[in-house]
Amino acid sequence: MKGDLNGFDNAMTAAEEEFVKRRIYLPLERGRDIALRNLFRKVFIAGGFEEPKDGQPPIRRTRVPVAEFAAALRIGTHADDRSRVDIDEVECLLSNLIYKVSSQIFLMWSMLRERPLVTDNE
């Protein structure tokens, strides 16, 4: 759960034939999304807090520039100085992660709505 995309890609490439033979390649490929999420989560946490206002407790910074995510992606993929990470690609990765999370939340909500919870009082 380190957010090491390069290590994940190398491991997937090294054992690709075995994974395909066992028919587990596609489920394992979803692990890249988890590694990417962990990397971007670390960027959010490292962003720190905004300056507190007049005795208020500090509030976590919620607006993170895309350039910070791009820098983390360059580090996570071990990109060299010649290869640049396209900002549009980073925005696409971020929006896909947001979409996947929101669709999972909607799915759970709709499942709970169909079958309400039963309590001991009923």
Protein backbone atom coordinates (compact mmCIF):
# COMPACT_ATOMS: atom_id res chain seq x y z
CA MET A 1 0.00 0.00 0.00
CA LYS A 2 2.90 2.32 -0.68
CA GLY A 3 1.59 3.90 -3.85
CA ASP A 4 4.58 2.55 -5.81
CA LEU A 5 3.15 2.41 -9.33
CA ASN A 6 6.47 1.48 -10.89
CA GLY A 7 6.88 -1.52 -8.56
CA PHE A 8 3.31 -2.61 -9.25
CA ASP A 9 3.76 -2.33 -13.02
CA ASN A 10 7.04 -4.28 -12.88
CA ALA A 11 5.46 -7.06 -10.81
CA MET A 12 2.49 -7.30 -13.18
CA THR A 13 4.75 -7.43 -16.23
CA ALA A 14 7.06 -10.04 -14.71
CA ALA A 15 4.24 -12.47 -13.92
CA GLU A 16 1.80 -11.53 -16.68
CA GLU A 17 1.83 -14.93 -18.39
CA GLU A 18 1.15 -16.75 -15.12
CA PHE A 19 -1.65 -14.36 -14.19
CA VAL A 20 -3.30 -14.77 -17.61
CA LYS A 21 -2.97 -18.55 -17.39
CA ARG A 22 -4.66 -18.55 -13.98
CA ARG A 23 -7.25 -16.04 -15.26
CA ILE A 24 -6.56 -13.52 -12.52
CA TYR A 25 -4.83 -10.80 -14.55
CA LEU A 26 -7.83 -8.47 -14.86
CA PRO A 27 -8.76 -8.55 -11.16
CA LEU A 28 -5.13 -7.88 -10.28
CA GLU A 29 -5.02 -5.01 -12.77
CA ARG A 30 -7.63 -3.24 -10.63
CA GLY A 31 -4.95 -3.12 -7.95
CA ARG A 32 -3.27 -0.37 -9.97
CA ASP A 33 -6.23 1.87 -9.17
CA ILE A 34 -5.67 1.15 -5.48
CA ALA A 35 -1.96 1.96 -5.76
CA LEU A 36 -2.83 5.18 -7.60
CA ARG A 37 -5.43 6.07 -4.97
CA ASN A 38 -2.88 5.50 -2.20
CA LEU A 39 -0.35 7.71 -3.96
CA PHE A 40 -2.85 10.54 -4.45
CA ARG A 41 -4.10 10.12 -0.87
CA LYS A 42 -0.57 10.71 0.38
CA VAL A 43 -0.47 13.94 -1.62
CA PHE A 44 -3.71 15.08 0.02
CA ILE A 45 -2.45 14.21 3.52
CA ALA A 46 0.94 15.84 2.90
CA GLY A 47 -0.91 19.00 1.86
CA GLY A 48 -1.34 19.81 5.51
CA PHE A 49 -3.67 22.37 7.00
CA GLU A 50 -4.79 25.88 6.14
CA GLU A 51 -3.86 28.76 8.40
CA PRO A 52 -6.29 28.87 11.36
CA LYS A 53 -8.50 31.96 11.64
CA ASP A 54 -8.84 33.78 14.96
CA GLY A 55 -8.75 30.94 17.48
CA GLN A 56 -10.39 28.39 15.19
CA PRO A 57 -8.89 24.89 14.99
CA PRO A 58 -6.82 24.19 11.87
CA ILE A 59 -8.74 22.87 8.86
CA ARG A 60 -7.26 20.40 6.38
CA ARG A 61 -6.53 21.92 2.99
CA THR A 62 -9.14 20.62 0.53
CA ARG A 63 -7.96 22.30 -2.68
CA VAL A 64 -4.81 20.62 -3.94
CA PRO A 65 -3.22 21.87 -7.17
CA VAL A 66 -3.06 19.30 -9.98
CA ALA A 67 0.66 20.04 -10.29
CA GLU A 68 1.21 18.39 -6.88
CA PHE A 69 -0.54 15.23 -8.07
CA ALA A 70 1.53 15.34 -11.27
CA ALA A 71 4.74 15.56 -9.23
CA ALA A 72 3.65 12.57 -7.14
CA LEU A 73 2.85 10.62 -10.30
CA ARG A 74 6.32 11.35 -11.67
CA ILE A 75 7.84 10.07 -8.44
CA GLY A 76 5.53 7.05 -8.26
CA THR A 77 6.32 5.98 -11.81
CA HIS A 78 10.02 6.87 -11.53
CA ALA A 79 9.74 9.05 -14.64
CA ASP A 80 13.03 10.54 -15.78
CA ASP A 81 13.64 14.22 -16.51
CA ARG A 82 12.97 13.80 -20.23
CA SER A 83 9.52 12.28 -19.83
CA ARG A 84 6.87 14.69 -18.65
CA VAL A 85 3.61 13.86 -16.99
CA ASP A 86 0.81 15.50 -18.91
CA ILE A 87 -1.51 17.58 -16.72
CA ASP A 88 -4.48 16.39 -18.80
CA GLU A 89 -3.54 12.78 -18.01
CA VAL A 90 -3.39 13.57 -14.29
CA GLU A 91 -6.78 15.29 -14.43
CA CYS A 92 -8.19 12.26 -16.24
CA LEU A 93 -6.79 9.87 -13.60
CA LEU A 94 -8.21 12.01 -10.80
CA SER A 95 -11.64 12.27 -12.40
CA ASN A 96 -11.75 8.50 -13.04
CA LEU A 97 -10.91 7.80 -9.38
CA ILE A 98 -13.63 10.22 -8.26
CA TYR A 99 -16.12 8.61 -10.66
CA LYS A 100 -15.32 5.09 -9.44
CA VAL A 101 -15.78 6.06 -5.81
CA SER A 102 -19.02 7.95 -6.44
CA SER A 103 -20.49 5.07 -8.48
CA GLN A 104 -19.66 2.63 -5.67
CA ILE A 105 -21.35 4.90 -3.14
CA PHE A 106 -24.43 5.19 -5.37
CA LEU A 107 -24.56 1.40 -5.76
CA MET A 108 -24.40 0.85 -1.99
CA TRP A 109 -27.05 3.54 -1.44
CA SER A 110 -29.43 1.97 -3.95
CA MET A 111 -28.94 -1.50 -2.43
CA LEU A 112 -29.71 -0.19 1.05
CA ARG A 113 -32.73 1.67 -0.25
CA GLU A 114 -34.22 -1.50 -1.73
CA ARG A 115 -33.85 -3.43 1.52
CA PRO A 116 -34.14 -1.23 4.59
CA LEU A 117 -32.37 -2.23 7.76
CA VAL A 118 -34.40 -4.07 10.38
CA THR A 119 -33.85 -3.09 13.99
CA ASP A 120 -34.62 -4.95 17.22
CA ASN A 121 -37.48 -2.55 17.98
CA GLU A 122 -39.58 -3.74 15.06
